[in-house]
PDB file of all heavy atoms in Angstrom:
ATOM      1  N   TRP A   1     -78.791  -7.623 -59.828  1.00  0.00           N
ATOM      2  CA  TRP A   1     -79.523  -6.879 -58.801  1.00  0.00           C
ATOM      3  C   TRP A   1     -81.033  -7.048 -58.983  1.00  0.00           C
ATOM      4  O   TRP A   1     -81.773  -7.226 -58.010  1.00  0.00           O
ATOM      5  CB  TRP A   1     -79.134  -5.411 -58.848  1.00  0.00           C
ATOM      6  CG  TRP A   1     -79.862  -4.561 -57.844  1.00  0.00           C
ATOM      7  CD1 TRP A   1     -80.821  -3.620 -58.087  1.00  0.00           C
ATOM      8  CD2 TRP A   1     -79.684  -4.578 -56.423  1.00  0.00           C
ATOM      9  NE1 TRP A   1     -81.261  -3.052 -56.928  1.00  0.00           N
ATOM     10  CE2 TRP A   1     -80.577  -3.621 -55.879  1.00  0.00           C
ATOM     11  CE3 TRP A   1     -78.865  -5.313 -55.559  1.00  0.00           C
ATOM     12  CZ2 TRP A   1     -80.668  -3.380 -54.510  1.00  0.00           C
ATOM     13  CZ3 TRP A   1     -78.959  -5.077 -54.201  1.00  0.00           C
ATOM     14  CH2 TRP A   1     -79.845  -4.120 -53.685  1.00  0.00           C
ATOM     15  N   GLN A   2     -81.488  -7.027 -60.221  1.00  0.00           N
ATOM     16  CA  GLN A   2     -82.916  -7.183 -60.490  1.00  0.00           C
ATOM     17  C   GLN A   2     -83.420  -8.574 -60.097  1.00  0.00           C
ATOM     18  O   GLN A   2     -84.598  -8.752 -59.781  1.00  0.00           O
ATOM     19  CB  GLN A   2     -83.203  -6.931 -61.967  1.00  0.00           C
ATOM     20  CG  GLN A   2     -83.083  -5.470 -62.376  1.00  0.00           C
ATOM     21  CD  GLN A   2     -83.208  -5.254 -63.877  1.00  0.00           C
ATOM     22  OE1 GLN A   2     -83.416  -6.203 -64.631  1.00  0.00           O
ATOM     23  NE2 GLN A   2     -83.074  -4.000 -64.306  1.00  0.00           N
ATOM     24  N   ALA A   3     -82.517  -9.564 -60.095  1.00  0.00           N
ATOM     25  CA  ALA A   3     -82.912 -10.947 -59.781  1.00  0.00           C
ATOM     26  C   ALA A   3     -82.673 -11.291 -58.310  1.00  0.00           C
ATOM     27  O   ALA A   3     -82.771 -12.450 -57.926  1.00  0.00           O
ATOM     28  CB  ALA A   3     -82.134 -11.911 -60.663  1.00  0.00           C
ATOM     29  N   ARG A   4     -82.403 -10.284 -57.482  1.00  0.00           N
ATOM     30  CA  ARG A   4     -82.022 -10.555 -56.082  1.00  0.00           C
ATOM     31  C   ARG A   4     -83.121 -11.272 -55.306  1.00  0.00           C
ATOM     32  O   ARG A   4     -82.835 -12.019 -54.354  1.00  0.00           O
ATOM     33  CB  ARG A   4     -81.631  -9.260 -55.386  1.00  0.00           C
ATOM     34  CG  ARG A   4     -82.760  -8.248 -55.241  1.00  0.00           C
ATOM     35  CD  ARG A   4     -82.211  -6.905 -54.741  1.00  0.00           C
ATOM     36  NE  ARG A   4     -83.277  -5.919 -54.536  1.00  0.00           N
ATOM     37  CZ  ARG A   4     -83.815  -5.185 -55.505  1.00  0.00           C
ATOM     38  NH1 ARG A   4     -83.396  -5.317 -56.759  1.00  0.00           N
ATOM     39  NH2 ARG A   4     -84.762  -4.295 -55.231  1.00  0.00           N
ATOM     40  N   SER A   5     -84.365 -11.089 -55.705  1.00  0.00           N
ATOM     41  CA  SER A   5     -85.466 -11.733 -54.978  1.00  0.00           C
ATOM     42  C   SER A   5     -85.493 -13.251 -55.174  1.00  0.00           C
ATOM     43  O   SER A   5     -86.153 -13.963 -54.418  1.00  0.00           O
ATOM     44  CB  SER A   5     -86.808 -11.145 -55.410  1.00  0.00           C
ATOM     45  OG  SER A   5     -87.013 -11.347 -56.797  1.00  0.00           O
ATOM     46  N   SER A   6     -84.757 -13.749 -56.192  1.00  0.00           N
ATOM     47  CA  SER A   6     -84.736 -15.198 -56.457  1.00  0.00           C
ATOM     48  C   SER A   6     -83.590 -15.901 -55.737  1.00  0.00           C
ATOM     49  O   SER A   6     -83.286 -17.064 -56.033  1.00  0.00           O
ATOM     50  CB  SER A   6     -84.640 -15.452 -57.969  1.00  0.00           C
ATOM     51  OG  SER A   6     -83.436 -14.918 -58.495  1.00  0.00           O
ATOM     52  N   PHE A   7     -82.953 -15.205 -54.812  1.00  0.00           N
ATOM     53  CA  PHE A   7     -81.822 -15.766 -54.059  1.00  0.00           C
ATOM     54  C   PHE A   7     -82.198 -17.129 -53.458  1.00  0.00           C
ATOM     55  O   PHE A   7     -83.252 -17.282 -52.831  1.00  0.00           O
ATOM     56  CB  PHE A   7     -81.413 -14.793 -52.954  1.00  0.00           C
ATOM     57  CG  PHE A   7     -80.400 -15.334 -51.992  1.00  0.00           C
ATOM     58  CD1 PHE A   7     -79.075 -15.511 -52.371  1.00  0.00           C
ATOM     59  CD2 PHE A   7     -80.771 -15.675 -50.690  1.00  0.00           C
ATOM     60  CE1 PHE A   7     -78.140 -16.001 -51.479  1.00  0.00           C
ATOM     61  CE2 PHE A   7     -79.847 -16.165 -49.792  1.00  0.00           C
ATOM     62  CZ  PHE A   7     -78.525 -16.330 -50.184  1.00  0.00           C
ATOM     63  N   ALA A   8     -81.325 -18.134 -53.655  1.00  0.00           N
ATOM     64  CA  ALA A   8     -81.573 -19.496 -53.160  1.00  0.00           C
ATOM     65  C   ALA A   8     -80.566 -19.827 -52.058  1.00  0.00           C
ATOM     66  O   ALA A   8     -79.386 -20.052 -52.349  1.00  0.00           O
ATOM     67  CB  ALA A   8     -81.466 -20.497 -54.297  1.00  0.00           C
ATOM     68  N   PRO A   9     -80.994 -19.879 -50.799  1.00  0.00           N
ATOM     69  CA  PRO A   9     -80.061 -20.131 -49.682  1.00  0.00           C
ATOM     70  C   PRO A   9     -79.310 -21.456 -49.817  1.00  0.00           C
ATOM     71  O   PRO A   9     -78.127 -21.537 -49.462  1.00  0.00           O
ATOM     72  CB  PRO A   9     -80.979 -20.140 -48.448  1.00  0.00           C
ATOM     73  CG  PRO A   9     -82.192 -19.380 -48.866  1.00  0.00           C
ATOM     74  CD  PRO A   9     -82.367 -19.639 -50.324  1.00  0.00           C
ATOM     75  N   GLN A  10     -79.981 -22.506 -50.349  1.00  0.00           N
ATOM     76  CA  GLN A  10     -79.317 -23.808 -50.471  1.00  0.00           C
ATOM     77  C   GLN A  10     -78.122 -23.727 -51.418  1.00  0.00           C
ATOM     78  O   GLN A  10     -77.048 -24.273 -51.125  1.00  0.00           O
ATOM     79  CB  GLN A  10     -80.300 -24.870 -50.976  1.00  0.00           C
ATOM     80  CG  GLN A  10     -81.501 -25.088 -50.076  1.00  0.00           C
ATOM     81  CD  GLN A  10     -82.701 -24.280 -50.525  1.00  0.00           C
ATOM     82  OE1 GLN A  10     -82.548 -23.212 -51.122  1.00  0.00           O
ATOM     83  NE2 GLN A  10     -83.896 -24.790 -50.236  1.00  0.00           N
ATOM     84  N   ALA A  11     -78.315 -23.063 -52.554  1.00  0.00           N
ATOM     85  CA  ALA A  11     -77.223 -22.920 -53.518  1.00  0.00           C
ATOM     86  C   ALA A  11     -76.075 -22.116 -52.904  1.00  0.00           C
ATOM     87  O   ALA A  11     -74.895 -22.474 -53.053  1.00  0.00           O
ATOM     88  CB  ALA A  11     -77.734 -22.235 -54.782  1.00  0.00           C
ATOM     89  N   PHE A  12     -76.418 -21.038 -52.185  1.00  0.00           N
ATOM     90  CA  PHE A  12     -75.392 -20.191 -51.573  1.00  0.00           C
ATOM     91  C   PHE A  12     -74.573 -20.966 -50.545  1.00  0.00           C
ATOM     92  O   PHE A  12     -73.347 -20.849 -50.501  1.00  0.00           O
ATOM     93  CB  PHE A  12     -76.057 -18.977 -50.925  1.00  0.00           C
ATOM     94  CG  PHE A  12     -75.089 -17.979 -50.369  1.00  0.00           C
ATOM     95  CD1 PHE A  12     -74.246 -17.262 -51.210  1.00  0.00           C
ATOM     96  CD2 PHE A  12     -75.010 -17.756 -49.007  1.00  0.00           C
ATOM     97  CE1 PHE A  12     -73.341 -16.337 -50.698  1.00  0.00           C
ATOM     98  CE2 PHE A  12     -74.113 -16.838 -48.491  1.00  0.00           C
ATOM     99  CZ  PHE A  12     -73.278 -16.131 -49.336  1.00  0.00           C
ATOM    100  N   LEU A  13     -75.248 -21.781 -49.731  1.00  0.00           N
ATOM    101  CA  LEU A  13     -74.542 -22.569 -48.725  1.00  0.00           C
ATOM    102  C   LEU A  13     -73.595 -23.580 -49.365  1.00  0.00           C
ATOM    103  O   LEU A  13     -72.479 -23.797 -48.878  1.00  0.00           O
ATOM    104  CB  LEU A  13     -75.548 -23.292 -47.830  1.00  0.00           C
ATOM    105  CG  LEU A  13     -76.289 -22.404 -46.821  1.00  0.00           C
ATOM    106  CD1 LEU A  13     -77.383 -23.198 -46.111  1.00  0.00           C
ATOM    107  CD2 LEU A  13     -75.315 -21.802 -45.810  1.00  0.00           C
ATOM    108  N   ILE A  14     -74.026 -24.200 -50.470  1.00  0.00           N
ATOM    109  CA  ILE A  14     -73.157 -25.147 -51.178  1.00  0.00           C
ATOM    110  C   ILE A  14     -71.934 -24.426 -51.741  1.00  0.00           C
ATOM    111  O   ILE A  14     -70.795 -24.915 -51.645  1.00  0.00           O
ATOM    112  CB  ILE A  14     -73.937 -25.861 -52.300  1.00  0.00           C
ATOM    113  CG1 ILE A  14     -74.991 -26.815 -51.708  1.00  0.00           C
ATOM    114  CG2 ILE A  14     -72.998 -26.622 -53.228  1.00  0.00           C
ATOM    115  CD1 ILE A  14     -74.408 -27.940 -50.874  1.00  0.00           C
ATOM    116  N   GLY A  15     -72.138 -23.255 -52.329  1.00  0.00           N
ATOM    117  CA  GLY A  15     -71.019 -22.483 -52.880  1.00  0.00           C
ATOM    118  C   GLY A  15     -70.034 -22.056 -51.812  1.00  0.00           C
ATOM    119  O   GLY A  15     -68.814 -22.196 -51.977  1.00  0.00           O
ATOM    120  N   ILE A  16     -70.553 -21.527 -50.698  1.00  0.00           N
ATOM    121  CA  ILE A  16     -69.686 -21.078 -49.605  1.00  0.00           C
ATOM    122  C   ILE A  16     -68.951 -22.263 -48.979  1.00  0.00           C
ATOM    123  O   ILE A  16     -67.757 -22.179 -48.663  1.00  0.00           O
ATOM    124  CB  ILE A  16     -70.501 -20.330 -48.539  1.00  0.00           C
ATOM    125  CG1 ILE A  16     -71.052 -19.024 -49.117  1.00  0.00           C
ATOM    126  CG2 ILE A  16     -69.658 -20.049 -47.311  1.00  0.00           C
ATOM    127  CD1 ILE A  16     -69.995 -18.043 -49.601  1.00  0.00           C
ATOM    128  N   ALA A  17     -69.654 -23.390 -48.814  1.00  0.00           N
ATOM    129  CA  ALA A  17     -69.009 -24.588 -48.257  1.00  0.00           C
ATOM    130  C   ALA A  17     -67.865 -25.052 -49.156  1.00  0.00           C
ATOM    131  O   ALA A  17     -66.807 -25.482 -48.662  1.00  0.00           O
ATOM    132  CB  ALA A  17     -70.036 -25.710 -48.093  1.00  0.00           C
ATOM    133  N   THR A  18     -68.047 -24.952 -50.467  1.00  0.00           N
ATOM    134  CA  THR A  18     -66.980 -25.329 -51.406  1.00  0.00           C
ATOM    135  C   THR A  18     -65.768 -24.423 -51.240  1.00  0.00           C
ATOM    136  O   THR A  18     -64.622 -24.892 -51.202  1.00  0.00           O
ATOM    137  CB  THR A  18     -67.498 -25.259 -52.858  1.00  0.00           C
ATOM    138  OG1 THR A  18     -68.662 -26.072 -52.992  1.00  0.00           O
ATOM    139  CG2 THR A  18     -66.432 -25.743 -53.832  1.00  0.00           C
ATOM    140  N   ILE A  19     -66.005 -23.131 -51.130  1.00  0.00           N
ATOM    141  CA  ILE A  19     -64.907 -22.169 -50.949  1.00  0.00           C
ATOM    142  C   ILE A  19     -64.147 -22.467 -49.662  1.00  0.00           C
ATOM    143  O   ILE A  19     -62.907 -22.508 -49.642  1.00  0.00           O
ATOM    144  CB  ILE A  19     -65.453 -20.725 -50.931  1.00  0.00           C
ATOM    145  CG1 ILE A  19     -66.008 -20.347 -52.314  1.00  0.00           C
ATOM    146  CG2 ILE A  19     -64.366 -19.735 -50.511  1.00  0.00           C
ATOM    147  CD1 ILE A  19     -66.740 -19.021 -52.348  1.00  0.00           C
ATOM    148  N   VAL A  20     -64.883 -22.694 -48.582  1.00  0.00           N
ATOM    149  CA  VAL A  20     -64.254 -22.978 -47.280  1.00  0.00           C
ATOM    150  C   VAL A  20     -63.415 -24.251 -47.358  1.00  0.00           C
ATOM    151  O   VAL A  20     -62.280 -24.309 -46.852  1.00  0.00           O
ATOM    152  CB  VAL A  20     -65.321 -23.086 -46.178  1.00  0.00           C
ATOM    153  CG1 VAL A  20     -64.700 -23.605 -44.880  1.00  0.00           C
ATOM    154  CG2 VAL A  20     -65.975 -21.729 -45.942  1.00  0.00           C
ATOM    155  N   LEU A  21     -63.960 -25.289 -48.000  1.00  0.00           N
ATOM    156  CA  LEU A  21     -63.226 -26.553 -48.122  1.00  0.00           C
ATOM    157  C   LEU A  21     -61.953 -26.381 -48.947  1.00  0.00           C
ATOM    158  O   LEU A  21     -60.897 -26.916 -48.595  1.00  0.00           O
ATOM    159  CB  LEU A  21     -64.123 -27.610 -48.775  1.00  0.00           C
ATOM    160  CG  LEU A  21     -65.022 -28.423 -47.835  1.00  0.00           C
ATOM    161  CD1 LEU A  21     -65.941 -29.322 -48.641  1.00  0.00           C
ATOM    162  CD2 LEU A  21     -64.183 -29.253 -46.868  1.00  0.00           C
ATOM    163  N   ILE A  22     -62.044 -25.650 -50.044  1.00  0.00           N
ATOM    164  CA  ILE A  22     -60.870 -25.440 -50.893  1.00  0.00           C
ATOM    165  C   ILE A  22     -59.775 -24.720 -50.108  1.00  0.00           C
ATOM    166  O   ILE A  22     -58.605 -25.131 -50.110  1.00  0.00           O
ATOM    167  CB  ILE A  22     -61.238 -24.639 -52.157  1.00  0.00           C
ATOM    168  CG1 ILE A  22     -62.100 -25.480 -53.093  1.00  0.00           C
ATOM    169  CG2 ILE A  22     -59.974 -24.182 -52.897  1.00  0.00           C
ATOM    170  CD1 ILE A  22     -62.671 -24.701 -54.267  1.00  0.00           C
ATOM    171  N   VAL A  23     -60.153 -23.641 -49.433  1.00  0.00           N
ATOM    172  CA  VAL A  23     -59.168 -22.868 -48.661  1.00  0.00           C
ATOM    173  C   VAL A  23     -58.572 -23.712 -47.538  1.00  0.00           C
ATOM    174  O   VAL A  23     -57.354 -23.708 -47.310  1.00  0.00           O
ATOM    175  CB  VAL A  23     -59.824 -21.591 -48.091  1.00  0.00           C
ATOM    176  CG1 VAL A  23     -58.867 -20.859 -47.152  1.00  0.00           C
ATOM    177  CG2 VAL A  23     -60.260 -20.663 -49.228  1.00  0.00           C
ATOM    178  N   ALA A  24     -59.422 -24.478 -46.847  1.00  0.00           N
ATOM    179  CA  ALA A  24     -58.939 -25.308 -45.738  1.00  0.00           C
ATOM    180  C   ALA A  24     -57.991 -26.390 -46.230  1.00  0.00           C
ATOM    181  O   ALA A  24     -56.921 -26.622 -45.629  1.00  0.00           O
ATOM    182  CB  ALA A  24     -60.131 -25.945 -45.016  1.00  0.00           C
ATOM    183  N   LEU A  25     -58.332 -27.044 -47.331  1.00  0.00           N
ATOM    184  CA  LEU A  25     -57.477 -28.107 -47.854  1.00  0.00           C
ATOM    185  C   LEU A  25     -56.155 -27.553 -48.382  1.00  0.00           C
ATOM    186  O   LEU A  25     -55.116 -28.209 -48.292  1.00  0.00           O
ATOM    187  CB  LEU A  25     -58.210 -28.877 -48.956  1.00  0.00           C
ATOM    188  CG  LEU A  25     -59.339 -29.799 -48.459  1.00  0.00           C
ATOM    189  CD1 LEU A  25     -60.163 -30.325 -49.626  1.00  0.00           C
ATOM    190  CD2 LEU A  25     -58.760 -30.953 -47.649  1.00  0.00           C
ATOM    191  N   ARG A  26     -56.189 -26.346 -48.937  1.00  0.00           N
ATOM    192  CA  ARG A  26     -54.932 -25.729 -49.402  1.00  0.00           C
ATOM    193  C   ARG A  26     -53.986 -25.475 -48.240  1.00  0.00           C
ATOM    194  O   ARG A  26     -52.773 -25.611 -48.371  1.00  0.00           O
ATOM    195  CB  ARG A  26     -55.232 -24.407 -50.127  1.00  0.00           C
ATOM    196  CG  ARG A  26     -55.670 -24.569 -51.563  1.00  0.00           C
ATOM    197  CD  ARG A  26     -55.836 -23.230 -52.236  1.00  0.00           C
ATOM    198  NE  ARG A  26     -56.151 -23.379 -53.651  1.00  0.00           N
ATOM    199  CZ  ARG A  26     -56.401 -22.364 -54.468  1.00  0.00           C
ATOM    200  NH1 ARG A  26     -56.385 -21.125 -54.003  1.00  0.00           N
ATOM    201  NH2 ARG A  26     -56.675 -22.585 -55.743  1.00  0.00           N
ATOM    202  N   ARG A  27     -54.539 -25.089 -47.102  1.00  0.00           N
ATOM    203  CA  ARG A  27     -53.689 -24.790 -45.948  1.00  0.00           C
ATOM    204  C   ARG A  27     -53.234 -26.060 -45.236  1.00  0.00           C
ATOM    205  O   ARG A  27     -52.087 -26.159 -44.796  1.00  0.00           O
ATOM    206  CB  ARG A  27     -54.449 -23.883 -44.979  1.00  0.00           C
ATOM    207  CG  ARG A  27     -54.673 -22.481 -45.522  1.00  0.00           C
ATOM    208  CD  ARG A  27     -55.323 -21.581 -44.496  1.00  0.00           C
ATOM    209  NE  ARG A  27     -55.465 -20.216 -45.004  1.00  0.00           N
ATOM    210  CZ  ARG A  27     -56.008 -19.216 -44.320  1.00  0.00           C
ATOM    211  NH1 ARG A  27     -56.448 -19.420 -43.083  1.00  0.00           N
ATOM    212  NH2 ARG A  27     -56.107 -18.016 -44.855  1.00  0.00           N
ATOM    213  N   LEU A  28     -54.145 -27.022 -45.098  1.00  0.00           N
ATOM    214  CA  LEU A  28     -53.832 -28.229 -44.337  1.00  0.00           C
ATOM    215  C   LEU A  28     -53.068 -29.260 -45.149  1.00  0.00           C
ATOM    216  O   LEU A  28     -52.238 -29.995 -44.608  1.00  0.00           O
ATOM    217  CB  LEU A  28     -55.135 -28.850 -43.806  1.00  0.00           C
ATOM    218  CG  LEU A  28     -55.947 -27.976 -42.840  1.00  0.00           C
ATOM    219  CD1 LEU A  28     -57.268 -28.650 -42.502  1.00  0.00           C
ATOM    220  CD2 LEU A  28     -55.143 -27.704 -41.567  1.00  0.00           C
ATOM    221  N   ALA A  29     -53.360 -29.346 -46.449  1.00  0.00           N
ATOM    222  CA  ALA A  29     -52.707 -30.357 -47.303  1.00  0.00           C
ATOM    223  C   ALA A  29     -52.462 -29.748 -48.688  1.00  0.00           C
ATOM    224  O   ALA A  29     -53.170 -30.053 -49.644  1.00  0.00           O
ATOM    225  CB  ALA A  29     -53.582 -31.609 -47.413  1.00  0.00           C
ATOM    226  N   PRO A  30     -51.469 -28.853 -48.800  1.00  0.00           N
ATOM    227  CA  PRO A  30     -51.253 -28.126 -50.051  1.00  0.00           C
ATOM    228  C   PRO A  30     -50.943 -29.007 -51.252  1.00  0.00           C
ATOM    229  O   PRO A  30     -51.174 -28.604 -52.393  1.00  0.00           O
ATOM    230  CB  PRO A  30     -50.074 -27.195 -49.723  1.00  0.00           C
ATOM    231  CG  PRO A  30     -49.439 -27.769 -48.497  1.00  0.00           C
ATOM    232  CD  PRO A  30     -50.521 -28.458 -47.749  1.00  0.00           C
ATOM    233  N   ARG A  31     -50.430 -30.216 -51.035  1.00  0.00           N
ATOM    234  CA  ARG A  31     -50.125 -31.108 -52.161  1.00  0.00           C
ATOM    235  C   ARG A  31     -51.324 -31.961 -52.568  1.00  0.00           C
ATOM    236  O   ARG A  31     -51.298 -32.633 -53.582  1.00  0.00           O
ATOM    237  CB  ARG A  31     -48.956 -32.027 -51.812  1.00  0.00           C
ATOM    238  CG  ARG A  31     -47.631 -31.305 -51.674  1.00  0.00           C
ATOM    239  CD  ARG A  31     -46.479 -32.298 -51.687  1.00  0.00           C
ATOM    240  NE  ARG A  31     -45.192 -31.620 -51.707  1.00  0.00           N
ATOM    241  CZ  ARG A  31     -44.046 -32.221 -51.974  1.00  0.00           C
ATOM    242  NH1 ARG A  31     -44.036 -33.518 -52.220  1.00  0.00           N
ATOM    243  NH2 ARG A  31     -42.915 -31.564 -51.978  1.00  0.00           N
ATOM    244  N   PHE A  32     -52.357 -31.924 -51.766  1.00  0.00           N
ATOM    245  CA  PHE A  32     -53.547 -32.744 -52.016  1.00  0.00           C
ATOM    246  C   PHE A  32     -54.413 -32.061 -53.072  1.00  0.00           C
ATOM    247  O   PHE A  32     -54.540 -30.832 -53.069  1.00  0.00           O
ATOM    248  CB  PHE A  32     -54.323 -32.893 -50.710  1.00  0.00           C
ATOM    249  CG  PHE A  32     -55.355 -33.968 -50.717  1.00  0.00           C
ATOM    250  CD1 PHE A  32     -54.983 -35.301 -50.798  1.00  0.00           C
ATOM    251  CD2 PHE A  32     -56.700 -33.659 -50.644  1.00  0.00           C
ATOM    252  CE1 PHE A  32     -55.942 -36.298 -50.799  1.00  0.00           C
ATOM    253  CE2 PHE A  32     -57.657 -34.637 -50.634  1.00  0.00           C
ATOM    254  CZ  PHE A  32     -57.280 -35.971 -50.716  1.00  0.00           C
ATOM    255  N   PRO A  33     -55.035 -32.820 -54.016  1.00  0.00           N
ATOM    256  CA  PRO A  33     -55.900 -32.204 -55.033  1.00  0.00           C
ATOM    257  C   PRO A  33     -57.220 -31.745 -54.426  1.00  0.00           C
ATOM    258  O   PRO A  33     -58.277 -32.347 -54.635  1.00  0.00           O
ATOM    259  CB  PRO A  33     -56.089 -33.329 -56.060  1.00  0.00           C
ATOM    260  CG  PRO A  33     -55.903 -34.592 -55.297  1.00  0.00           C
ATOM    261  CD  PRO A  33     -54.880 -34.271 -54.234  1.00  0.00           C
ATOM    262  N   GLY A  34     -57.158 -30.668 -53.655  1.00  0.00           N
ATOM    263  CA  GLY A  34     -58.303 -30.220 -52.884  1.00  0.00           C
ATOM    264  C   GLY A  34     -59.470 -29.718 -53.708  1.00  0.00           C
ATOM    265  O   GLY A  34     -60.615 -29.765 -53.254  1.00  0.00           O
ATOM    266  N   LEU A  35     -59.207 -29.204 -54.923  1.00  0.00           N
ATOM    267  CA  LEU A  35     -60.287 -28.659 -55.737  1.00  0.00           C
ATOM    268  C   LEU A  35     -61.343 -29.709 -56.031  1.00  0.00           C
ATOM    269  O   LEU A  35     -62.537 -29.494 -55.812  1.00  0.00           O
ATOM    270  CB  LEU A  35     -59.736 -28.085 -57.045  1.00  0.00           C
ATOM    271  CG  LEU A  35     -58.833 -26.857 -56.960  1.00  0.00           C
ATOM    272  CD1 LEU A  35     -58.475 -26.374 -58.357  1.00  0.00           C
ATOM    273  CD2 LEU A  35     -59.501 -25.747 -56.176  1.00  0.00           C
ATOM    274  N   ILE A  36     -60.904 -30.854 -56.556  1.00  0.00           N
ATOM    275  CA  ILE A  36     -61.880 -31.871 -56.938  1.00  0.00           C
ATOM    276  C   ILE A  36     -62.534 -32.493 -55.707  1.00  0.00           C
ATOM    277  O   ILE A  36     -63.719 -32.859 -55.724  1.00  0.00           O
ATOM    278  CB  ILE A  36     -61.244 -32.950 -57.840  1.00  0.00           C
ATOM    279  CG1 ILE A  36     -62.355 -33.760 -58.519  1.00  0.00           C
ATOM    280  CG2 ILE A  36     -60.309 -33.858 -57.065  1.00  0.00           C
ATOM    281  CD1 ILE A  36     -61.878 -34.616 -59.667  1.00  0.00           C
ATOM    282  N   VAL A  37     -61.783 -32.608 -54.606  1.00  0.00           N
ATOM    283  CA  VAL A  37     -62.354 -33.157 -53.380  1.00  0.00           C
ATOM    284  C   VAL A  37     -63.456 -32.235 -52.854  1.00  0.00           C
ATOM    285  O   VAL A  37     -64.561 -32.683 -52.507  1.00  0.00           O
ATOM    286  CB  VAL A  37     -61.266 -33.360 -52.307  1.00  0.00           C
ATOM    287  CG1 VAL A  37     -61.898 -33.739 -50.967  1.00  0.00           C
ATOM    288  CG2 VAL A  37     -60.287 -34.432 -52.745  1.00  0.00           C
ATOM    289  N   ALA A  38     -63.186 -30.925 -52.811  1.00  0.00           N
ATOM    290  CA  ALA A  38     -64.169 -29.966 -52.307  1.00  0.00           C
ATOM    291  C   ALA A  38     -65.431 -29.959 -53.167  1.00  0.00           C
ATOM    292  O   ALA A  38     -66.554 -30.003 -52.647  1.00  0.00           O
ATOM    293  CB  ALA A  38     -63.543 -28.571 -52.259  1.00  0.00           C
ATOM    294  N   VAL A  39     -65.244 -29.890 -54.489  1.00  0.00           N
ATOM    295  CA  VAL A  39     -66.401 -29.866 -55.394  1.00  0.00           C
ATOM    296  C   VAL A  39     -67.178 -31.182 -55.310  1.00  0.00           C
ATOM    297  O   VAL A  39     -68.417 -31.194 -55.315  1.00  0.00           O
ATOM    298  CB  VAL A  39     -65.939 -29.584 -56.841  1.00  0.00           C
ATOM    299  CG1 VAL A  39     -67.096 -29.750 -57.823  1.00  0.00           C
ATOM    300  CG2 VAL A  39     -65.363 -28.186 -56.957  1.00  0.00           C
ATOM    301  N   ALA A  40     -66.470 -32.297 -55.218  1.00  0.00           N
ATOM    302  CA  ALA A  40     -67.125 -33.604 -55.136  1.00  0.00           C
ATOM    303  C   ALA A  40     -67.915 -33.753 -53.832  1.00  0.00           C
ATOM    304  O   ALA A  40     -69.049 -34.256 -53.837  1.00  0.00           O
ATOM    305  CB  ALA A  40     -66.094 -34.717 -55.256  1.00  0.00           C
ATOM    306  N   VAL A  41     -67.335 -33.315 -52.720  1.00  0.00           N
ATOM    307  CA  VAL A  41     -68.000 -33.455 -51.420  1.00  0.00           C
ATOM    308  C   VAL A  41     -69.295 -32.638 -51.375  1.00  0.00           C
ATOM    309  O   VAL A  41     -70.355 -33.136 -50.957  1.00  0.00           O
ATOM    310  CB  VAL A  41     -67.054 -33.027 -50.280  1.00  0.00           C
ATOM    311  CG1 VAL A  41     -67.821 -32.850 -48.965  1.00  0.00           C
ATOM    312  CG2 VAL A  41     -65.947 -34.057 -50.104  1.00  0.00           C
ATOM    313  N   THR A  42     -69.228 -31.379 -51.796  1.00  0.00           N
ATOM    314  CA  THR A  42     -70.435 -30.545 -51.746  1.00  0.00           C
ATOM    315  C   THR A  42     -71.470 -30.987 -52.783  1.00  0.00           C
ATOM    316  O   THR A  42     -72.674 -30.894 -52.534  1.00  0.00           O
ATOM    317  CB  THR A  42     -70.080 -29.062 -51.949  1.00  0.00           C
ATOM    318  OG1 THR A  42     -69.281 -28.912 -53.139  1.00  0.00           O
ATOM    319  CG2 THR A  42     -69.282 -28.527 -50.765  1.00  0.00           C
ATOM    320  N   SER A  43     -71.017 -31.476 -53.928  1.00  0.00           N
ATOM    321  CA  SER A  43     -71.957 -31.993 -54.928  1.00  0.00           C
ATOM    322  C   SER A  43     -72.632 -33.266 -54.425  1.00  0.00           C
ATOM    323  O   SER A  43     -73.825 -33.490 -54.671  1.00  0.00           O
ATOM    324  CB  SER A  43     -71.228 -32.276 -56.245  1.00  0.00           C
ATOM    325  OG  SER A  43     -70.691 -31.091 -56.802  1.00  0.00           O
ATOM    326  N   LEU A  44     -71.883 -34.096 -53.698  1.00  0.00           N
ATOM    327  CA  LEU A  44     -72.463 -35.301 -53.103  1.00  0.00           C
ATOM    328  C   LEU A  44     -73.513 -34.924 -52.056  1.00  0.00           C
ATOM    329  O   LEU A  44     -74.561 -35.584 -51.943  1.00  0.00           O
ATOM    330  CB  LEU A  44     -71.359 -36.144 -52.468  1.00  0.00           C
ATOM    331  CG  LEU A  44     -71.792 -37.477 -51.839  1.00  0.00           C
ATOM    332  CD1 LEU A  44     -72.395 -38.405 -52.890  1.00  0.00           C
ATOM    333  CD2 LEU A  44     -70.601 -38.160 -51.155  1.00  0.00           C
TER     334      LEU A  44
END
């Protein structure tokens, strides 16, 4: 809470995009290794 003023929108968007990708890949292709794909895509 004390560090709330240092909030970084770019980091937050990358984190949220990763969550969305993981959830979407789990639903659309449950056998696909979605974790590494999601993390790799947002890191790229």
